[in-house]
Amino acid sequence: MHRTRLPVGSLFGILSVTTLIAVELFAAAGACAWAVSGLLDLNSTASYILAVIVGIPSLVLVGKVARLAIESELAMVQSANRGA
């Protein structure tokens, strides 16, 4: 199987989009956990458990975003190579 090498610009794009989405997603997850914790008047331990429960799906989503970004960059590089 032939592997396509990504240029540095594509790697920078993948890192940038993944970082942007991750920061926004984790901020929203943290705000959600904080709001629910305050609404239910949870103690510190329960708040941390809630943050972990909300954070794990966020990590999965960030992984999916990274995978989609990589696939997108690979498709662009491969289509550019076919056209050249």
PDB file of N, CA and C in Angstrom:
ATOM      1  N   MET A   1       0.842  -1.175   0.000  1.00  0.00           N
ATOM      2  CA  MET A   1       0.000   0.000   0.000  1.00  0.00           C
ATOM      3  C   MET A   1       0.887   1.238   0.000  1.00  0.00           C
ATOM      4  N   HIS A   2       0.600   2.162  -0.878  1.00  0.00           N
ATOM      5  CA  HIS A   2       1.390   3.375  -1.006  1.00  0.00           C
ATOM      6  C   HIS A   2       0.923   4.417   0.004  1.00  0.00           C
ATOM      7  N   ARG A   3       1.856   4.954   0.764  1.00  0.00           N
ATOM      8  CA  ARG A   3       1.518   5.977   1.749  1.00  0.00           C
ATOM      9  C   ARG A   3       1.807   7.355   1.173  1.00  0.00           C
ATOM     10  N   THR A   4       0.895   8.268   1.384  1.00  0.00           N
ATOM     11  CA  THR A   4       1.070   9.637   0.929  1.00  0.00           C
ATOM     12  C   THR A   4       1.667  10.461   2.060  1.00  0.00           C
ATOM     13  N   ARG A   5       2.709  11.204   1.747  1.00  0.00           N
ATOM     14  CA  ARG A   5       3.325  12.074   2.750  1.00  0.00           C
ATOM     15  C   ARG A   5       2.624  13.422   2.740  1.00  0.00           C
ATOM     16  N   LEU A   6       2.347  13.919   3.919  1.00  0.00           N
ATOM     17  CA  LEU A   6       1.694  15.215   4.030  1.00  0.00           C
ATOM     18  C   LEU A   6       2.745  16.313   4.125  1.00  0.00           C
ATOM     19  N   PRO A   7       2.551  17.413   3.417  1.00  0.00           N
ATOM     20  CA  PRO A   7       3.477  18.528   3.570  1.00  0.00           C
ATOM     21  C   PRO A   7       3.320  19.191   4.934  1.00  0.00           C
ATOM     22  N   VAL A   8       4.305  19.996   5.301  1.00  0.00           N
ATOM     23  CA  VAL A   8       4.300  20.642   6.622  1.00  0.00           C
ATOM     24  C   VAL A   8       3.085  21.542   6.775  1.00  0.00           C
ATOM     25  N   GLY A   9       2.688  22.218   5.712  1.00  0.00           N
ATOM     26  CA  GLY A   9       1.503  23.082   5.785  1.00  0.00           C
ATOM     27  C   GLY A   9       0.243  22.314   6.120  1.00  0.00           C
ATOM     28  N   SER A  10       0.119  21.118   5.575  1.00  0.00           N
ATOM     29  CA  SER A  10      -1.049  20.291   5.884  1.00  0.00           C
ATOM     30  C   SER A  10      -1.029  19.830   7.335  1.00  0.00           C
ATOM     31  N   LEU A  11       0.150  19.474   7.818  1.00  0.00           N
ATOM     32  CA  LEU A  11       0.259  19.067   9.227  1.00  0.00           C
ATOM     33  C   LEU A  11      -0.088  20.226  10.155  1.00  0.00           C
ATOM     34  N   PHE A  12       0.356  21.426   9.779  1.00  0.00           N
ATOM     35  CA  PHE A  12       0.022  22.608  10.570  1.00  0.00           C
ATOM     36  C   PHE A  12      -1.487  22.856  10.551  1.00  0.00           C
ATOM     37  N   GLY A  13      -2.124  22.656   9.402  1.00  0.00           N
ATOM     38  CA  GLY A  13      -3.571  22.821   9.302  1.00  0.00           C
ATOM     39  C   GLY A  13      -4.325  21.818  10.161  1.00  0.00           C
ATOM     40  N   ILE A  14      -3.865  20.569  10.140  1.00  0.00           N
ATOM     41  CA  ILE A  14      -4.497  19.534  10.965  1.00  0.00           C
ATOM     42  C   ILE A  14      -4.379  19.888  12.436  1.00  0.00           C
ATOM     43  N   LEU A  15      -3.183  20.285  12.851  1.00  0.00           N
ATOM     44  CA  LEU A  15      -2.968  20.663  14.251  1.00  0.00           C
ATOM     45  C   LEU A  15      -3.803  21.875  14.633  1.00  0.00           C
ATOM     46  N   SER A  16      -3.896  22.844  13.742  1.00  0.00           N
ATOM     47  CA  SER A  16      -4.648  24.066  14.037  1.00  0.00           C
ATOM     48  C   SER A  16      -6.135  23.795  14.202  1.00  0.00           C
ATOM     49  N   VAL A  17      -6.716  23.066  13.258  1.00  0.00           N
ATOM     50  CA  VAL A  17      -8.156  22.814  13.335  1.00  0.00           C
ATOM     51  C   VAL A  17      -8.494  21.924  14.530  1.00  0.00           C
ATOM     52  N   THR A  18      -7.641  20.967  14.813  1.00  0.00           N
ATOM     53  CA  THR A  18      -7.895  20.093  15.957  1.00  0.00           C
ATOM     54  C   THR A  18      -7.796  20.869  17.267  1.00  0.00           C
ATOM     55  N   THR A  19      -6.812  21.751  17.364  1.00  0.00           N
ATOM     56  CA  THR A  19      -6.658  22.558  18.575  1.00  0.00           C
ATOM     57  C   THR A  19      -7.841  23.503  18.749  1.00  0.00           C
ATOM     58  N   LEU A  20      -8.269  24.138  17.675  1.00  0.00           N
ATOM     59  CA  LEU A  20      -9.392  25.066  17.751  1.00  0.00           C
ATOM     60  C   LEU A  20     -10.656  24.368  18.233  1.00  0.00           C
ATOM     61  N   ILE A  21     -10.977  23.251  17.620  1.00  0.00           N
ATOM     62  CA  ILE A  21     -12.193  22.527  18.004  1.00  0.00           C
ATOM     63  C   ILE A  21     -12.060  21.966  19.419  1.00  0.00           C
ATOM     64  N   ALA A  22     -10.869  21.472  19.772  1.00  0.00           N
ATOM     65  CA  ALA A  22     -10.676  20.900  21.111  1.00  0.00           C
ATOM     66  C   ALA A  22     -10.871  21.951  22.201  1.00  0.00           C
ATOM     67  N   VAL A  23     -10.315  23.131  22.004  1.00  0.00           N
ATOM     68  CA  VAL A  23     -10.457  24.183  23.018  1.00  0.00           C
ATOM     69  C   VAL A  23     -11.919  24.575  23.180  1.00  0.00           C
ATOM     70  N   GLU A  24     -12.618  24.747  22.079  1.00  0.00           N
ATOM     71  CA  GLU A  24     -14.031  25.114  22.162  1.00  0.00           C
ATOM     72  C   GLU A  24     -14.863  24.008  22.798  1.00  0.00           C
ATOM     73  N   LEU A  25     -14.573  22.770  22.439  1.00  0.00           N
ATOM     74  CA  LEU A  25     -15.335  21.644  22.967  1.00  0.00           C
ATOM     75  C   LEU A  25     -15.089  21.460  24.461  1.00  0.00           C
ATOM     76  N   PHE A  26     -13.829  21.557  24.886  1.00  0.00           N
ATOM     77  CA  PHE A  26     -13.531  21.398  26.305  1.00  0.00           C
ATOM     78  C   PHE A  26     -14.055  22.572  27.129  1.00  0.00           C
ATOM     79  N   ALA A  27     -14.070  23.764  26.553  1.00  0.00           N
ATOM     80  CA  ALA A  27     -14.648  24.906  27.268  1.00  0.00           C
ATOM     81  C   ALA A  27     -16.150  24.703  27.462  1.00  0.00           C
ATOM     82  N   ALA A  28     -16.819  24.221  26.428  1.00  0.00           N
ATOM     83  CA  ALA A  28     -18.257  23.970  26.545  1.00  0.00           C
ATOM     84  C   ALA A  28     -18.544  22.837  27.529  1.00  0.00           C
ATOM     85  N   ALA A  29     -17.727  21.784  27.493  1.00  0.00           N
ATOM     86  CA  ALA A  29     -17.917  20.668  28.426  1.00  0.00           C
ATOM     87  C   ALA A  29     -17.673  21.122  29.864  1.00  0.00           C
ATOM     88  N   GLY A  30     -16.640  21.917  30.058  1.00  0.00           N
ATOM     89  CA  GLY A  30     -16.359  22.431  31.402  1.00  0.00           C
ATOM     90  C   GLY A  30     -17.459  23.348  31.903  1.00  0.00           C
ATOM     91  N   ALA A  31     -17.972  24.203  31.033  1.00  0.00           N
ATOM     92  CA  ALA A  31     -19.068  25.090  31.420  1.00  0.00           C
ATOM     93  C   ALA A  31     -20.330  24.293  31.747  1.00  0.00           C
ATOM     94  N   CYS A  32     -20.572  23.249  30.976  1.00  0.00           N
ATOM     95  CA  CYS A  32     -21.727  22.397  31.235  1.00  0.00           C
ATOM     96  C   CYS A  32     -21.598  21.700  32.595  1.00  0.00           C
ATOM     97  N   ALA A  33     -20.422  21.137  32.846  1.00  0.00           N
ATOM     98  CA  ALA A  33     -20.202  20.452  34.129  1.00  0.00           C
ATOM     99  C   ALA A  33     -20.304  21.433  35.289  1.00  0.00           C
ATOM    100  N   TRP A  34     -19.751  22.628  35.109  1.00  0.00           N
ATOM    101  CA  TRP A  34     -19.805  23.643  36.163  1.00  0.00           C
ATOM    102  C   TRP A  34     -21.250  24.065  36.436  1.00  0.00           C
ATOM    103  N   ALA A  35     -22.032  24.265  35.362  1.00  0.00           N
ATOM    104  CA  ALA A  35     -23.411  24.710  35.530  1.00  0.00           C
ATOM    105  C   ALA A  35     -24.271  23.638  36.200  1.00  0.00           C
ATOM    106  N   VAL A  36     -24.121  22.397  35.766  1.00  0.00           N
ATOM    107  CA  VAL A  36     -24.908  21.313  36.369  1.00  0.00           C
ATOM    108  C   VAL A  36     -24.490  21.101  37.819  1.00  0.00           C
ATOM    109  N   SER A  37     -23.185  21.208  38.079  1.00  0.00           N
ATOM    110  CA  SER A  37     -22.692  21.053  39.440  1.00  0.00           C
ATOM    111  C   SER A  37     -23.264  22.132  40.360  1.00  0.00           C
ATOM    112  N   GLY A  38     -23.300  23.361  39.868  1.00  0.00           N
ATOM    113  CA  GLY A  38     -23.861  24.444  40.665  1.00  0.00           C
ATOM    114  C   GLY A  38     -25.367  24.322  40.828  1.00  0.00           C
ATOM    115  N   LEU A  39     -26.034  23.898  39.770  1.00  0.00           N
ATOM    116  CA  LEU A  39     -27.490  23.763  39.816  1.00  0.00           C
ATOM    117  C   LEU A  39     -27.916  22.690  40.811  1.00  0.00           C
ATOM    118  N   LEU A  40     -27.168  21.580  40.835  1.00  0.00           N
ATOM    119  CA  LEU A  40     -27.508  20.482  41.733  1.00  0.00           C
ATOM    120  C   LEU A  40     -26.812  20.584  43.080  1.00  0.00           C
ATOM    121  N   ASP A  41     -25.989  21.628  43.269  1.00  0.00           N
ATOM    122  CA  ASP A  41     -25.256  21.869  44.507  1.00  0.00           C
ATOM    123  C   ASP A  41     -24.425  20.641  44.914  1.00  0.00           C
ATOM    124  N   LEU A  42     -23.621  20.173  43.956  1.00  0.00           N
ATOM    125  CA  LEU A  42     -22.784  18.996  44.185  1.00  0.00           C
ATOM    126  C   LEU A  42     -21.524  19.377  44.952  1.00  0.00           C
ATOM    127  N   ASN A  43     -20.997  18.420  45.708  1.00  0.00           N
ATOM    128  CA  ASN A  43     -19.733  18.665  46.402  1.00  0.00           C
ATOM    129  C   ASN A  43     -18.580  18.515  45.408  1.00  0.00           C
ATOM    130  N   SER A  44     -17.356  18.731  45.870  1.00  0.00           N
ATOM    131  CA  SER A  44     -16.194  18.728  44.975  1.00  0.00           C
ATOM    132  C   SER A  44     -15.990  17.386  44.289  1.00  0.00           C
ATOM    133  N   THR A  45     -16.102  16.304  45.036  1.00  0.00           N
ATOM    134  CA  THR A  45     -15.877  14.981  44.461  1.00  0.00           C
ATOM    135  C   THR A  45     -16.896  14.677  43.367  1.00  0.00           C
ATOM    136  N   ALA A  46     -18.144  14.964  43.628  1.00  0.00           N
ATOM    137  CA  ALA A  46     -19.182  14.724  42.633  1.00  0.00           C
ATOM    138  C   ALA A  46     -18.986  15.627  41.414  1.00  0.00           C
ATOM    139  N   SER A  47     -18.503  16.844  41.637  1.00  0.00           N
ATOM    140  CA  SER A  47     -18.240  17.749  40.513  1.00  0.00           C
ATOM    141  C   SER A  47     -17.130  17.208  39.626  1.00  0.00           C
ATOM    142  N   TYR A  48     -16.082  16.664  40.236  1.00  0.00           N
ATOM    143  CA  TYR A  48     -14.989  16.081  39.459  1.00  0.00           C
ATOM    144  C   TYR A  48     -15.459  14.849  38.679  1.00  0.00           C
ATOM    145  N   ILE A  49     -16.284  14.038  39.303  1.00  0.00           N
ATOM    146  CA  ILE A  49     -16.821  12.859  38.617  1.00  0.00           C
ATOM    147  C   ILE A  49     -17.681  13.282  37.432  1.00  0.00           C
ATOM    148  N   LEU A  50     -18.497  14.307  37.622  1.00  0.00           N
ATOM    149  CA  LEU A  50     -19.316  14.828  36.531  1.00  0.00           C
ATOM    150  C   LEU A  50     -18.446  15.383  35.404  1.00  0.00           C
ATOM    151  N   ALA A  51     -17.366  16.062  35.762  1.00  0.00           N
ATOM    152  CA  ALA A  51     -16.459  16.609  34.747  1.00  0.00           C
ATOM    153  C   ALA A  51     -15.807  15.485  33.935  1.00  0.00           C
ATOM    154  N   VAL A  52     -15.461  14.396  34.584  1.00  0.00           N
ATOM    155  CA  VAL A  52     -14.884  13.258  33.867  1.00  0.00           C
ATOM    156  C   VAL A  52     -15.926  12.616  32.963  1.00  0.00           C
ATOM    157  N   ILE A  53     -17.144  12.492  33.461  1.00  0.00           N
ATOM    158  CA  ILE A  53     -18.216  11.898  32.653  1.00  0.00           C
ATOM    159  C   ILE A  53     -18.481  12.740  31.407  1.00  0.00           C
ATOM    160  N   VAL A  54     -18.423  14.044  31.539  1.00  0.00           N
ATOM    161  CA  VAL A  54     -18.630  14.926  30.389  1.00  0.00           C
ATOM    162  C   VAL A  54     -17.375  14.996  29.523  1.00  0.00           C
ATOM    163  N   GLY A  55     -16.205  14.860  30.134  1.00  0.00           N
ATOM    164  CA  GLY A  55     -14.944  15.017  29.408  1.00  0.00           C
ATOM    165  C   GLY A  55     -14.587  13.849  28.510  1.00  0.00           C
ATOM    166  N   ILE A  56     -14.944  12.648  28.884  1.00  0.00           N
ATOM    167  CA  ILE A  56     -14.574  11.472  28.087  1.00  0.00           C
ATOM    168  C   ILE A  56     -15.215  11.501  26.693  1.00  0.00           C
ATOM    169  N   PRO A  57     -16.512  11.777  26.568  1.00  0.00           N
ATOM    170  CA  PRO A  57     -17.054  11.901  25.209  1.00  0.00           C
ATOM    171  C   PRO A  57     -16.424  13.057  24.423  1.00  0.00           C
ATOM    172  N   SER A  58     -16.006  14.098  25.131  1.00  0.00           N
ATOM    173  CA  SER A  58     -15.330  15.210  24.461  1.00  0.00           C
ATOM    174  C   SER A  58     -14.006  14.754  23.865  1.00  0.00           C
ATOM    175  N   LEU A  59     -13.277  13.925  24.582  1.00  0.00           N
ATOM    176  CA  LEU A  59     -12.022  13.386  24.048  1.00  0.00           C
ATOM    177  C   LEU A  59     -12.277  12.537  22.806  1.00  0.00           C
ATOM    178  N   VAL A  60     -13.331  11.754  22.836  1.00  0.00           N
ATOM    179  CA  VAL A  60     -13.672  10.927  21.675  1.00  0.00           C
ATOM    180  C   VAL A  60     -13.992  11.814  20.480  1.00  0.00           C
ATOM    181  N   LEU A  61     -14.738  12.880  20.705  1.00  0.00           N
ATOM    182  CA  LEU A  61     -15.078  13.788  19.623  1.00  0.00           C
ATOM    183  C   LEU A  61     -13.854  14.508  19.059  1.00  0.00           C
ATOM    184  N   VAL A  62     -12.925  14.876  19.915  1.00  0.00           N
ATOM    185  CA  VAL A  62     -11.689  15.510  19.437  1.00  0.00           C
ATOM    186  C   VAL A  62     -10.896  14.526  18.588  1.00  0.00           C
ATOM    187  N   GLY A  63     -10.859  13.265  18.974  1.00  0.00           N
ATOM    188  CA  GLY A  63     -10.194  12.246  18.163  1.00  0.00           C
ATOM    189  C   GLY A  63     -10.851  12.100  16.802  1.00  0.00           C
ATOM    190  N   LYS A  64     -12.181  12.170  16.786  1.00  0.00           N
ATOM    191  CA  LYS A  64     -12.893  12.072  15.508  1.00  0.00           C
ATOM    192  C   LYS A  64     -12.608  13.284  14.628  1.00  0.00           C
ATOM    193  N   VAL A  65     -12.555  14.466  15.223  1.00  0.00           N
ATOM    194  CA  VAL A  65     -12.224  15.672  14.466  1.00  0.00           C
ATOM    195  C   VAL A  65     -10.825  15.564  13.876  1.00  0.00           C
ATOM    196  N   ALA A  66      -9.869  15.076  14.660  1.00  0.00           N
ATOM    197  CA  ALA A  66      -8.501  14.919  14.167  1.00  0.00           C
ATOM    198  C   ALA A  66      -8.459  13.929  13.013  1.00  0.00           C
ATOM    199  N   ARG A  67      -9.180  12.829  13.146  1.00  0.00           N
ATOM    200  CA  ARG A  67      -9.200  11.826  12.082  1.00  0.00           C
ATOM    201  C   ARG A  67      -9.820  12.392  10.799  1.00  0.00           C
ATOM    202  N   LEU A  68     -10.910  13.161  10.940  1.00  0.00           N
ATOM    203  CA  LEU A  68     -11.536  13.771   9.773  1.00  0.00           C
ATOM    204  C   LEU A  68     -10.626  14.809   9.123  1.00  0.00           C
ATOM    205  N   ALA A  69      -9.892  15.558   9.928  1.00  0.00           N
ATOM    206  CA  ALA A  69      -8.960  16.546   9.384  1.00  0.00           C
ATOM    207  C   ALA A  69      -7.841  15.856   8.610  1.00  0.00           C
ATOM    208  N   ILE A  70      -7.329  14.759   9.147  1.00  0.00           N
ATOM    209  CA  ILE A  70      -6.272  14.018   8.457  1.00  0.00           C
ATOM    210  C   ILE A  70      -6.785  13.451   7.145  1.00  0.00           C
ATOM    211  N   GLU A  71      -7.981  12.863   7.162  1.00  0.00           N
ATOM    212  CA  GLU A  71      -8.549  12.307   5.933  1.00  0.00           C
ATOM    213  C   GLU A  71      -8.772  13.393   4.894  1.00  0.00           C
ATOM    214  N   SER A  72      -9.213  14.560   5.326  1.00  0.00           N
ATOM    215  CA  SER A  72      -9.446  15.662   4.403  1.00  0.00           C
ATOM    216  C   SER A  72      -8.147  16.139   3.770  1.00  0.00           C
ATOM    217  N   GLU A  73      -7.108  16.301   4.579  1.00  0.00           N
ATOM    218  CA  GLU A  73      -5.814  16.741   4.049  1.00  0.00           C
ATOM    219  C   GLU A  73      -5.222  15.687   3.113  1.00  0.00           C
ATOM    220  N   LEU A  74      -5.354  14.420   3.461  1.00  0.00           N
ATOM    221  CA  LEU A  74      -4.853  13.365   2.585  1.00  0.00           C
ATOM    222  C   LEU A  74      -5.581  13.357   1.244  1.00  0.00           C
ATOM    223  N   ALA A  75      -6.897  13.563   1.277  1.00  0.00           N
ATOM    224  CA  ALA A  75      -7.663  13.591   0.029  1.00  0.00           C
ATOM    225  C   ALA A  75      -7.234  14.765  -0.842  1.00  0.00           C
ATOM    226  N   MET A  76      -6.965  15.914  -0.231  1.00  0.00           N
ATOM    227  CA  MET A  76      -6.525  17.072  -1.012  1.00  0.00           C
ATOM    228  C   MET A  76      -5.156  16.837  -1.629  1.00  0.00           C
ATOM    229  N   VAL A  77      -4.235  16.248  -0.867  1.00  0.00           N
ATOM    230  CA  VAL A  77      -2.898  15.978  -1.390  1.00  0.00           C
ATOM    231  C   VAL A  77      -2.952  14.940  -2.514  1.00  0.00           C
ATOM    232  N   GLN A  78      -3.771  13.904  -2.334  1.00  0.00           N
ATOM    233  CA  GLN A  78      -3.876  12.874  -3.355  1.00  0.00           C
ATOM    234  C   GLN A  78      -4.519  13.414  -4.634  1.00  0.00           C
ATOM    235  N   SER A  79      -5.519  14.272  -4.506  1.00  0.00           N
ATOM    236  CA  SER A  79      -6.140  14.845  -5.700  1.00  0.00           C
ATOM    237  C   SER A  79      -5.171  15.804  -6.397  1.00  0.00           C
ATOM    238  N   ALA A  80      -4.354  16.503  -5.638  1.00  0.00           N
ATOM    239  CA  ALA A  80      -3.353  17.392  -6.251  1.00  0.00           C
ATOM    240  C   ALA A  80      -2.283  16.568  -6.970  1.00  0.00           C
ATOM    241  N   ASN A  81      -1.918  15.430  -6.409  1.00  0.00           N
ATOM    242  CA  ASN A  81      -0.911  14.569  -7.055  1.00  0.00           C
ATOM    243  C   ASN A  81      -1.450  13.943  -8.341  1.00  0.00           C
ATOM    244  N   ARG A  82      -2.744  13.611  -8.349  1.00  0.00           N
ATOM    245  CA  ARG A  82      -3.336  13.033  -9.554  1.00  0.00           C
ATOM    246  C   ARG A  82      -3.426  14.074 -10.669  1.00  0.00           C
ATOM    247  N   GLY A  83      -3.666  15.323 -10.290  1.00  0.00           N
ATOM    248  CA  GLY A  83      -3.806  16.372 -11.289  1.00  0.00           C
ATOM    249  C   GLY A  83      -2.482  16.823 -11.867  1.00  0.00           C
ATOM    250  N   ALA A  84      -1.378  16.558 -11.174  1.00  0.00           N
ATOM    251  CA  ALA A  84      -0.059  17.024 -11.636  1.00  0.00           C
ATOM    252  C   ALA A  84       0.552  16.119 -12.662  1.00  0.00           C
TER     253      ALA A  84
END
